Amino acid sequence: MLLAVLQAESTLHRKIALHLPRAATLESKTRTVARVFHDAQLTPQDVTDVLLPLLPDGKLSLIMGRTTWHYGQTPLNILVLGVLPQHLTLHEKWRPERSAT
């Protein structure tokens, strides 16, 4: 599934489903993606363990950003550290915090 997310360069379920190597309808694969994300109990360390081996050796360009997302009515400030190998940004670490506002 993670490889499909990387290939799709998106978090939209339908776009990820296009990259799943299964002989099933797009609707079926889209439901599979939705179930995986709904049921996944991934930690930031799990994601890091998968992504770090994909990075090239040597110096890397790091990118840091902050954004605010809403989880229901709860605003979350999210700090993201990304790695820019060539022209692809992989989000390596994130730290959700409750907004002070």
PDB file of N, CA and C in Angstrom:
ATOM      1  N   MET A   1       0.821  -1.184   0.000  1.00  0.00           N
ATOM      2  CA  MET A   1       0.000   0.000   0.000  1.00  0.00           C
ATOM      3  C   MET A   1       0.869   1.254   0.000  1.00  0.00           C
ATOM      4  N   LEU A   2       1.942   1.246   0.816  1.00  0.00           N
ATOM      5  CA  LEU A   2       2.798   2.427   0.890  1.00  0.00           C
ATOM      6  C   LEU A   2       3.453   2.710  -0.458  1.00  0.00           C
ATOM      7  N   LEU A   3       3.831   1.667  -1.166  1.00  0.00           N
ATOM      8  CA  LEU A   3       4.407   1.853  -2.497  1.00  0.00           C
ATOM      9  C   LEU A   3       3.387   2.496  -3.437  1.00  0.00           C
ATOM     10  N   ALA A   4       2.139   2.101  -3.340  1.00  0.00           N
ATOM     11  CA  ALA A   4       1.083   2.700  -4.168  1.00  0.00           C
ATOM     12  C   ALA A   4       0.906   4.177  -3.833  1.00  0.00           C
ATOM     13  N   VAL A   5       1.017   4.540  -2.549  1.00  0.00           N
ATOM     14  CA  VAL A   5       0.914   5.950  -2.145  1.00  0.00           C
ATOM     15  C   VAL A   5       2.064   6.735  -2.761  1.00  0.00           C
ATOM     16  N   LEU A   6       3.271   6.177  -2.683  1.00  0.00           N
ATOM     17  CA  LEU A   6       4.432   6.863  -3.257  1.00  0.00           C
ATOM     18  C   LEU A   6       4.299   7.009  -4.769  1.00  0.00           C
ATOM     19  N   GLN A   7       3.817   5.980  -5.435  1.00  0.00           N
ATOM     20  CA  GLN A   7       3.649   6.040  -6.890  1.00  0.00           C
ATOM     21  C   GLN A   7       2.558   7.031  -7.272  1.00  0.00           C
ATOM     22  N   ALA A   8       1.496   7.084  -6.494  1.00  0.00           N
ATOM     23  CA  ALA A   8       0.383   7.984  -6.806  1.00  0.00           C
ATOM     24  C   ALA A   8       0.730   9.434  -6.500  1.00  0.00           C
ATOM     25  N   GLU A   9       1.704   9.640  -5.598  1.00  0.00           N
ATOM     26  CA  GLU A   9       2.061  10.992  -5.155  1.00  0.00           C
ATOM     27  C   GLU A   9       0.818  11.742  -4.678  1.00  0.00           C
ATOM     28  N   SER A  10      -0.035  11.020  -3.966  1.00  0.00           N
ATOM     29  CA  SER A  10      -1.307  11.570  -3.518  1.00  0.00           C
ATOM     30  C   SER A  10      -1.800  10.773  -2.327  1.00  0.00           C
ATOM     31  N   THR A  11      -2.701  11.374  -1.572  1.00  0.00           N
ATOM     32  CA  THR A  11      -3.373  10.631  -0.503  1.00  0.00           C
ATOM     33  C   THR A  11      -4.834  10.376  -0.851  1.00  0.00           C
ATOM     34  N   LEU A  12      -5.228  10.712  -2.070  1.00  0.00           N
ATOM     35  CA  LEU A  12      -6.593  10.435  -2.512  1.00  0.00           C
ATOM     36  C   LEU A  12      -6.746   8.938  -2.768  1.00  0.00           C
ATOM     37  N   HIS A  13      -7.724   8.339  -2.137  1.00  0.00           N
ATOM     38  CA  HIS A  13      -7.904   6.891  -2.221  1.00  0.00           C
ATOM     39  C   HIS A  13      -8.003   6.398  -3.653  1.00  0.00           C
ATOM     40  N   ARG A  14      -8.742   7.103  -4.494  1.00  0.00           N
ATOM     41  CA  ARG A  14      -8.943   6.664  -5.876  1.00  0.00           C
ATOM     42  C   ARG A  14      -7.630   6.676  -6.650  1.00  0.00           C
ATOM     43  N   LYS A  15      -6.804   7.687  -6.425  1.00  0.00           N
ATOM     44  CA  LYS A  15      -5.510   7.752  -7.116  1.00  0.00           C
ATOM     45  C   LYS A  15      -4.574   6.649  -6.635  1.00  0.00           C
ATOM     46  N   ILE A  16      -4.599   6.362  -5.342  1.00  0.00           N
ATOM     47  CA  ILE A  16      -3.773   5.269  -4.808  1.00  0.00           C
ATOM     48  C   ILE A  16      -4.235   3.946  -5.382  1.00  0.00           C
ATOM     49  N   ALA A  17      -5.545   3.763  -5.475  1.00  0.00           N
ATOM     50  CA  ALA A  17      -6.112   2.503  -5.981  1.00  0.00           C
ATOM     51  C   ALA A  17      -5.635   2.196  -7.394  1.00  0.00           C
ATOM     52  N   LEU A  18      -5.375   3.215  -8.188  1.00  0.00           N
ATOM     53  CA  LEU A  18      -4.891   2.998  -9.554  1.00  0.00           C
ATOM     54  C   LEU A  18      -3.542   2.291  -9.585  1.00  0.00           C
ATOM     55  N   HIS A  19      -2.803   2.352  -8.483  1.00  0.00           N
ATOM     56  CA  HIS A  19      -1.463   1.770  -8.429  1.00  0.00           C
ATOM     57  C   HIS A  19      -1.409   0.435  -7.692  1.00  0.00           C
ATOM     58  N   LEU A  20      -2.541  -0.080  -7.265  1.00  0.00           N
ATOM     59  CA  LEU A  20      -2.547  -1.386  -6.600  1.00  0.00           C
ATOM     60  C   LEU A  20      -2.488  -2.498  -7.640  1.00  0.00           C
ATOM     61  N   PRO A  21      -1.547  -3.441  -7.480  1.00  0.00           N
ATOM     62  CA  PRO A  21      -1.413  -4.533  -8.450  1.00  0.00           C
ATOM     63  C   PRO A  21      -2.396  -5.669  -8.167  1.00  0.00           C
ATOM     64  N   ARG A  22      -3.670  -5.390  -8.351  1.00  0.00           N
ATOM     65  CA  ARG A  22      -4.715  -6.401  -8.119  1.00  0.00           C
ATOM     66  C   ARG A  22      -5.630  -6.456  -9.316  1.00  0.00           C
ATOM     67  N   ALA A  23      -6.149  -7.625  -9.594  1.00  0.00           N
ATOM     68  CA  ALA A  23      -7.141  -7.784 -10.653  1.00  0.00           C
ATOM     69  C   ALA A  23      -8.522  -7.575 -10.037  1.00  0.00           C
ATOM     70  N   ALA A  24      -8.900  -6.316  -9.878  1.00  0.00           N
ATOM     71  CA  ALA A  24     -10.190  -5.971  -9.293  1.00  0.00           C
ATOM     72  C   ALA A  24     -10.642  -4.652  -9.905  1.00  0.00           C
ATOM     73  N   THR A  25     -11.910  -4.334  -9.707  1.00  0.00           N
ATOM     74  CA  THR A  25     -12.419  -3.068 -10.239  1.00  0.00           C
ATOM     75  C   THR A  25     -11.806  -1.909  -9.457  1.00  0.00           C
ATOM     76  N   LEU A  26     -11.810  -0.740 -10.048  1.00  0.00           N
ATOM     77  CA  LEU A  26     -11.290   0.445  -9.385  1.00  0.00           C
ATOM     78  C   LEU A  26     -12.066   0.731  -8.102  1.00  0.00           C
ATOM     79  N   GLU A  27     -13.374   0.523  -8.130  1.00  0.00           N
ATOM     80  CA  GLU A  27     -14.188   0.754  -6.938  1.00  0.00           C
ATOM     81  C   GLU A  27     -13.778  -0.190  -5.806  1.00  0.00           C
ATOM     82  N   SER A  28     -13.530  -1.445  -6.143  1.00  0.00           N
ATOM     83  CA  SER A  28     -13.112  -2.421  -5.137  1.00  0.00           C
ATOM     84  C   SER A  28     -11.753  -2.051  -4.546  1.00  0.00           C
ATOM     85  N   LYS A  29     -10.821  -1.663  -5.407  1.00  0.00           N
ATOM     86  CA  LYS A  29      -9.499  -1.281  -4.926  1.00  0.00           C
ATOM     87  C   LYS A  29      -9.568   0.001  -4.086  1.00  0.00           C
ATOM     88  N   THR A  30     -10.462   0.915  -4.451  1.00  0.00           N
ATOM     89  CA  THR A  30     -10.624   2.145  -3.683  1.00  0.00           C
ATOM     90  C   THR A  30     -11.156   1.829  -2.288  1.00  0.00           C
ATOM     91  N   ARG A  31     -12.096   0.904  -2.184  1.00  0.00           N
ATOM     92  CA  ARG A  31     -12.617   0.491  -0.874  1.00  0.00           C
ATOM     93  C   ARG A  31     -11.509  -0.177  -0.048  1.00  0.00           C
ATOM     94  N   THR A  32     -10.647  -0.954  -0.697  1.00  0.00           N
ATOM     95  CA  THR A  32      -9.521  -1.581  -0.002  1.00  0.00           C
ATOM     96  C   THR A  32      -8.600  -0.523   0.592  1.00  0.00           C
ATOM     97  N   VAL A  33      -8.282   0.499  -0.199  1.00  0.00           N
ATOM     98  CA  VAL A  33      -7.430   1.596   0.286  1.00  0.00           C
ATOM     99  C   VAL A  33      -8.090   2.264   1.489  1.00  0.00           C
ATOM    100  N   ALA A  34      -9.368   2.545   1.394  1.00  0.00           N
ATOM    101  CA  ALA A  34     -10.078   3.197   2.498  1.00  0.00           C
ATOM    102  C   ALA A  34     -10.021   2.343   3.761  1.00  0.00           C
ATOM    103  N   ARG A  35     -10.211   1.019   3.628  1.00  0.00           N
ATOM    104  CA  ARG A  35     -10.161   0.130   4.791  1.00  0.00           C
ATOM    105  C   ARG A  35      -8.769   0.111   5.416  1.00  0.00           C
ATOM    106  N   VAL A  36      -7.735   0.065   4.577  1.00  0.00           N
ATOM    107  CA  VAL A  36      -6.367   0.030   5.095  1.00  0.00           C
ATOM    108  C   VAL A  36      -6.073   1.285   5.904  1.00  0.00           C
ATOM    109  N   PHE A  37      -6.434   2.456   5.365  1.00  0.00           N
ATOM    110  CA  PHE A  37      -6.164   3.690   6.097  1.00  0.00           C
ATOM    111  C   PHE A  37      -7.033   3.814   7.342  1.00  0.00           C
ATOM    112  N   HIS A  38      -8.243   3.306   7.282  1.00  0.00           N
ATOM    113  CA  HIS A  38      -9.123   3.374   8.446  1.00  0.00           C
ATOM    114  C   HIS A  38      -8.624   2.460   9.564  1.00  0.00           C
ATOM    115  N   ASP A  39      -8.152   1.268   9.199  1.00  0.00           N
ATOM    116  CA  ASP A  39      -7.768   0.262  10.188  1.00  0.00           C
ATOM    117  C   ASP A  39      -6.295   0.329  10.593  1.00  0.00           C
ATOM    118  N   ALA A  40      -5.479   1.063   9.863  1.00  0.00           N
ATOM    119  CA  ALA A  40      -4.034   1.078  10.127  1.00  0.00           C
ATOM    120  C   ALA A  40      -3.717   1.689  11.481  1.00  0.00           C
ATOM    121  N   GLN A  41      -2.820   1.073  12.168  1.00  0.00           N
ATOM    122  CA  GLN A  41      -2.336   1.580  13.448  1.00  0.00           C
ATOM    123  C   GLN A  41      -0.850   1.909  13.313  1.00  0.00           C
ATOM    124  N   LEU A  42      -0.505   2.633  12.236  1.00  0.00           N
ATOM    125  CA  LEU A  42       0.889   2.958  11.975  1.00  0.00           C
ATOM    126  C   LEU A  42       1.362   4.076  12.886  1.00  0.00           C
ATOM    127  N   THR A  43       2.586   3.938  13.350  1.00  0.00           N
ATOM    128  CA  THR A  43       3.218   4.986  14.135  1.00  0.00           C
ATOM    129  C   THR A  43       4.170   5.763  13.227  1.00  0.00           C
ATOM    130  N   PRO A  44       4.587   6.945  13.634  1.00  0.00           N
ATOM    131  CA  PRO A  44       5.603   7.652  12.845  1.00  0.00           C
ATOM    132  C   PRO A  44       6.861   6.809  12.635  1.00  0.00           C
ATOM    133  N   GLN A  45       7.227   5.988  13.626  1.00  0.00           N
ATOM    134  CA  GLN A  45       8.403   5.135  13.483  1.00  0.00           C
ATOM    135  C   GLN A  45       8.196   4.084  12.405  1.00  0.00           C
ATOM    136  N   ASP A  46       6.981   3.533  12.280  1.00  0.00           N
ATOM    137  CA  ASP A  46       6.687   2.564  11.226  1.00  0.00           C
ATOM    138  C   ASP A  46       6.930   3.176   9.847  1.00  0.00           C
ATOM    139  N   VAL A  47       6.436   4.378   9.653  1.00  0.00           N
ATOM    140  CA  VAL A  47       6.593   5.057   8.362  1.00  0.00           C
ATOM    141  C   VAL A  47       8.070   5.345   8.101  1.00  0.00           C
ATOM    142  N   THR A  48       8.776   5.832   9.116  1.00  0.00           N
ATOM    143  CA  THR A  48      10.199   6.118   8.975  1.00  0.00           C
ATOM    144  C   THR A  48      10.983   4.861   8.620  1.00  0.00           C
ATOM    145  N   ASP A  49      10.660   3.735   9.246  1.00  0.00           N
ATOM    146  CA  ASP A  49      11.356   2.482   8.963  1.00  0.00           C
ATOM    147  C   ASP A  49      11.205   2.051   7.507  1.00  0.00           C
ATOM    148  N   VAL A  50      10.098   2.404   6.887  1.00  0.00           N
ATOM    149  CA  VAL A  50       9.878   2.060   5.488  1.00  0.00           C
ATOM    150  C   VAL A  50      10.558   3.064   4.559  1.00  0.00           C
ATOM    151  N   LEU A  51      10.478   4.355   4.901  1.00  0.00           N
ATOM    152  CA  LEU A  51      10.970   5.392   3.992  1.00  0.00           C
ATOM    153  C   LEU A  51      12.480   5.591   4.022  1.00  0.00           C
ATOM    154  N   LEU A  52      13.105   5.465   5.187  1.00  0.00           N
ATOM    155  CA  LEU A  52      14.541   5.733   5.273  1.00  0.00           C
ATOM    156  C   LEU A  52      15.386   4.873   4.328  1.00  0.00           C
ATOM    157  N   PRO A  53      15.104   3.583   4.190  1.00  0.00           N
ATOM    158  CA  PRO A  53      15.910   2.789   3.254  1.00  0.00           C
ATOM    159  C   PRO A  53      15.760   3.234   1.791  1.00  0.00           C
ATOM    160  N   LEU A  54      14.717   3.986   1.470  1.00  0.00           N
ATOM    161  CA  LEU A  54      14.516   4.450   0.095  1.00  0.00           C
ATOM    162  C   LEU A  54      15.357   5.673  -0.244  1.00  0.00           C
ATOM    163  N   LEU A  55      15.944   6.322   0.768  1.00  0.00           N
ATOM    164  CA  LEU A  55      16.706   7.539   0.545  1.00  0.00           C
ATOM    165  C   LEU A  55      18.107   7.221   0.035  1.00  0.00           C
ATOM    166  N   PRO A  56      18.629   8.072  -0.850  1.00  0.00           N
ATOM    167  CA  PRO A  56      19.990   7.843  -1.356  1.00  0.00           C
ATOM    168  C   PRO A  56      21.033   8.182  -0.298  1.00  0.00           C
ATOM    169  N   ASP A  57      22.238   7.630  -0.452  1.00  0.00           N
ATOM    170  CA  ASP A  57      23.345   7.955   0.442  1.00  0.00           C
ATOM    171  C   ASP A  57      23.833   9.370   0.164  1.00  0.00           C
ATOM    172  N   GLY A  58      24.511   9.955   1.123  1.00  0.00           N
ATOM    173  CA  GLY A  58      25.090  11.279   0.929  1.00  0.00           C
ATOM    174  C   GLY A  58      24.227  12.371   1.519  1.00  0.00           C
ATOM    175  N   LYS A  59      24.570  13.611   1.153  1.00  0.00           N
ATOM    176  CA  LYS A  59      23.847  14.771   1.671  1.00  0.00           C
ATOM    177  C   LYS A  59      22.428  14.815   1.131  1.00  0.00           C
ATOM    178  N   LEU A  60      21.516  15.266   1.982  1.00  0.00           N
ATOM    179  CA  LEU A  60      20.116  15.407   1.604  1.00  0.00           C
ATOM    180  C   LEU A  60      19.652  16.817   1.924  1.00  0.00           C
ATOM    181  N   SER A  61      18.720  17.315   1.164  1.00  0.00           N
ATOM    182  CA  SER A  61      18.098  18.598   1.461  1.00  0.00           C
ATOM    183  C   SER A  61      16.870  18.338   2.326  1.00  0.00           C
ATOM    184  N   LEU A  62      16.802  19.026   3.471  1.00  0.00           N
ATOM    185  CA  LEU A  62      15.666  18.887   4.369  1.00  0.00           C
ATOM    186  C   LEU A  62      14.752  20.093   4.220  1.00  0.00           C
ATOM    187  N   ILE A  63      13.465  19.838   4.322  1.00  0.00           N
ATOM    188  CA  ILE A  63      12.457  20.880   4.219  1.00  0.00           C
ATOM    189  C   ILE A  63      11.573  20.783   5.457  1.00  0.00           C
ATOM    190  N   MET A  64      11.323  21.925   6.097  1.00  0.00           N
ATOM    191  CA  MET A  64      10.458  21.931   7.261  1.00  0.00           C
ATOM    192  C   MET A  64       9.258  22.828   6.973  1.00  0.00           C
ATOM    193  N   GLY A  65       8.106  22.385   7.403  1.00  0.00           N
ATOM    194  CA  GLY A  65       6.907  23.185   7.210  1.00  0.00           C
ATOM    195  C   GLY A  65       5.937  22.968   8.349  1.00  0.00           C
ATOM    196  N   ARG A  66       5.015  23.893   8.473  1.00  0.00           N
ATOM    197  CA  ARG A  66       3.972  23.790   9.486  1.00  0.00           C
ATOM    198  C   ARG A  66       2.639  24.067   8.811  1.00  0.00           C
ATOM    199  N   THR A  67       1.653  23.331   9.200  1.00  0.00           N
ATOM    200  CA  THR A  67       0.322  23.529   8.650  1.00  0.00           C
ATOM    201  C   THR A  67      -0.701  23.288   9.751  1.00  0.00           C
ATOM    202  N   THR A  68      -1.906  23.737   9.538  1.00  0.00           N
ATOM    203  CA  THR A  68      -2.992  23.468  10.471  1.00  0.00           C
ATOM    204  C   THR A  68      -4.072  22.688   9.731  1.00  0.00           C
ATOM    205  N   TRP A  69      -4.398  21.528  10.253  1.00  0.00           N
ATOM    206  CA  TRP A  69      -5.480  20.714   9.721  1.00  0.00           C
ATOM    207  C   TRP A  69      -6.559  20.653  10.787  1.00  0.00           C
ATOM    208  N   HIS A  70      -7.740  20.261  10.375  1.00  0.00           N
ATOM    209  CA  HIS A  70      -8.830  20.087  11.325  1.00  0.00           C
ATOM    210  C   HIS A  70      -9.215  18.613  11.387  1.00  0.00           C
ATOM    211  N   TYR A  71      -9.307  18.100  12.590  1.00  0.00           N
ATOM    212  CA  TYR A  71      -9.789  16.749  12.832  1.00  0.00           C
ATOM    213  C   TYR A  71     -11.150  16.920  13.482  1.00  0.00           C
ATOM    214  N   GLY A  72     -12.195  16.847  12.646  1.00  0.00           N
ATOM    215  CA  GLY A  72     -13.526  17.216  13.123  1.00  0.00           C
ATOM    216  C   GLY A  72     -13.522  18.704  13.405  1.00  0.00           C
ATOM    217  N   GLN A  73     -13.848  19.074  14.629  1.00  0.00           N
ATOM    218  CA  GLN A  73     -13.836  20.479  15.036  1.00  0.00           C
ATOM    219  C   GLN A  73     -12.526  20.872  15.715  1.00  0.00           C
ATOM    220  N   THR A  74     -11.581  19.933  15.831  1.00  0.00           N
ATOM    221  CA  THR A  74     -10.335  20.187  16.551  1.00  0.00           C
ATOM    222  C   THR A  74      -9.232  20.618  15.588  1.00  0.00           C
ATOM    223  N   PRO A  75      -8.720  21.847  15.729  1.00  0.00           N
ATOM    224  CA  PRO A  75      -7.600  22.263  14.890  1.00  0.00           C
ATOM    225  C   PRO A  75      -6.298  21.641  15.388  1.00  0.00           C
ATOM    226  N   LEU A  76      -5.480  21.137  14.474  1.00  0.00           N
ATOM    227  CA  LEU A  76      -4.194  20.541  14.821  1.00  0.00           C
ATOM    228  C   LEU A  76      -3.083  21.288  14.088  1.00  0.00           C
ATOM    229  N   ASN A  77      -2.094  21.766  14.835  1.00  0.00           N
ATOM    230  CA  ASN A  77      -0.900  22.327  14.216  1.00  0.00           C
ATOM    231  C   ASN A  77       0.058  21.174  13.977  1.00  0.00           C
ATOM    232  N   ILE A  78       0.532  21.029  12.747  1.00  0.00           N
ATOM    233  CA  ILE A  78       1.388  19.900  12.400  1.00  0.00           C
ATOM    234  C   ILE A  78       2.709  20.418  11.860  1.00  0.00           C
ATOM    235  N   LEU A  79       3.799  19.966  12.477  1.00  0.00           N
ATOM    236  CA  LEU A  79       5.143  20.294  12.033  1.00  0.00           C
ATOM    237  C   LEU A  79       5.657  19.118  11.218  1.00  0.00           C
ATOM    238  N   VAL A  80       6.137  19.377  10.011  1.00  0.00           N
ATOM    239  CA  VAL A  80       6.568  18.315   9.106  1.00  0.00           C
ATOM    240  C   VAL A  80       8.020  18.551   8.727  1.00  0.00           C
ATOM    241  N   LEU A  81       8.819  17.494   8.791  1.00  0.00           N
ATOM    242  CA  LEU A  81      10.184  17.521   8.284  1.00  0.00           C
ATOM    243  C   LEU A  81      10.220  16.608   7.072  1.00  0.00           C
ATOM    244  N   GLY A  82      10.587  17.155   5.939  1.00  0.00           N
ATOM    245  CA  GLY A  82      10.627  16.379   4.710  1.00  0.00           C
ATOM    246  C   GLY A  82      12.032  16.288   4.166  1.00  0.00           C
ATOM    247  N   VAL A  83      12.264  15.316   3.300  1.00  0.00           N
ATOM    248  CA  VAL A  83      13.539  15.128   2.624  1.00  0.00           C
ATOM    249  C   VAL A  83      13.291  15.306   1.143  1.00  0.00           C
ATOM    250  N   LEU A  84      14.166  16.053   0.504  1.00  0.00           N
ATOM    251  CA  LEU A  84      14.013  16.317  -0.920  1.00  0.00           C
ATOM    252  C   LEU A  84      15.103  15.605  -1.713  1.00  0.00           C
ATOM    253  N   PRO A  85      14.911  14.303  -2.019  1.00  0.00           N
ATOM    254  CA  PRO A  85      15.860  13.631  -2.903  1.00  0.00           C
ATOM    255  C   PRO A  85      15.413  13.886  -4.339  1.00  0.00           C
ATOM    256  N   GLN A  86      16.190  14.582  -5.087  1.00  0.00           N
ATOM    257  CA  GLN A  86      15.857  15.011  -6.437  1.00  0.00           C
ATOM    258  C   GLN A  86      14.620  15.902  -6.370  1.00  0.00           C
ATOM    259  N   HIS A  87      13.475  15.462  -6.859  1.00  0.00           N
ATOM    260  CA  HIS A  87      12.299  16.332  -6.898  1.00  0.00           C
ATOM    261  C   HIS A  87      11.099  15.726  -6.179  1.00  0.00           C
ATOM    262  N   LEU A  88      11.335  14.857  -5.211  1.00  0.00           N
ATOM    263  CA  LEU A  88      10.255  14.179  -4.506  1.00  0.00           C
ATOM    264  C   LEU A  88      10.356  14.486  -3.021  1.00  0.00           C
ATOM    265  N   THR A  89       9.285  14.919  -2.403  1.00  0.00           N
ATOM    266  CA  THR A  89       9.288  15.190  -0.970  1.00  0.00           C
ATOM    267  C   THR A  89       8.664  14.010  -0.232  1.00  0.00           C
ATOM    268  N   LEU A  90       9.426  13.445   0.709  1.00  0.00           N
ATOM    269  CA  LEU A  90       8.942  12.363   1.552  1.00  0.00           C
ATOM    270  C   LEU A  90       8.830  12.905   2.972  1.00  0.00           C
ATOM    271  N   HIS A  91       7.667  12.839   3.548  1.00  0.00           N
ATOM    272  CA  HIS A  91       7.468  13.341   4.900  1.00  0.00           C
ATOM    273  C   HIS A  91       7.967  12.300   5.886  1.00  0.00           C
ATOM    274  N   GLU A  92       9.020  12.636   6.618  1.00  0.00           N
ATOM    275  CA  GLU A  92       9.679  11.679   7.503  1.00  0.00           C
ATOM    276  C   GLU A  92       9.177  11.753   8.943  1.00  0.00           C
ATOM    277  N   LYS A  93       8.968  12.933   9.440  1.00  0.00           N
ATOM    278  CA  LYS A  93       8.546  13.085  10.836  1.00  0.00           C
ATOM    279  C   LYS A  93       7.420  14.094  10.908  1.00  0.00           C
ATOM    280  N   TRP A  94       6.515  13.862  11.793  1.00  0.00           N
ATOM    281  CA  TRP A  94       5.479  14.851  12.030  1.00  0.00           C
ATOM    282  C   TRP A  94       5.133  14.816  13.505  1.00  0.00           C
ATOM    283  N   ARG A  95       4.662  15.950  14.010  1.00  0.00           N
ATOM    284  CA  ARG A  95       4.339  16.044  15.420  1.00  0.00           C
ATOM    285  C   ARG A  95       3.042  16.827  15.552  1.00  0.00           C
ATOM    286  N   PRO A  96       1.904  16.156  15.641  1.00  0.00           N
ATOM    287  CA  PRO A  96       0.654  16.887  15.808  1.00  0.00           C
ATOM    288  C   PRO A  96       0.568  17.489  17.209  1.00  0.00           C
ATOM    289  N   GLU A  97       0.121  18.713  17.287  1.00  0.00           N
ATOM    290  CA  GLU A  97      -0.085  19.373  18.566  1.00  0.00           C
ATOM    291  C   GLU A  97      -1.440  20.072  18.524  1.00  0.00           C
ATOM    292  N   ARG A  98      -2.089  20.129  19.628  1.00  0.00           N
ATOM    293  CA  ARG A  98      -3.348  20.853  19.697  1.00  0.00           C
ATOM    294  C   ARG A  98      -3.072  22.342  19.531  1.00  0.00           C
ATOM    295  N   SER A  99      -3.906  22.994  18.752  1.00  0.00           N
ATOM    296  CA  SER A  99      -3.735  24.425  18.514  1.00  0.00           C
ATOM    297  C   SER A  99      -4.013  25.220  19.780  1.00  0.00           C
ATOM    298  N   ALA A 100      -3.228  26.269  19.957  1.00  0.00           N
ATOM    299  CA  ALA A 100      -3.430  27.125  21.128  1.00  0.00           C
ATOM    300  C   ALA A 100      -4.572  28.117  20.907  1.00  0.00           C
ATOM    301  N   THR A 101      -5.053  28.217  19.676  1.00  0.00           N
ATOM    302  CA  THR A 101      -6.116  29.178  19.375  1.00  0.00           C
ATOM    303  C   THR A 101      -7.472  28.540  19.500  1.00  0.00           C
TER     304      THR A 101
END
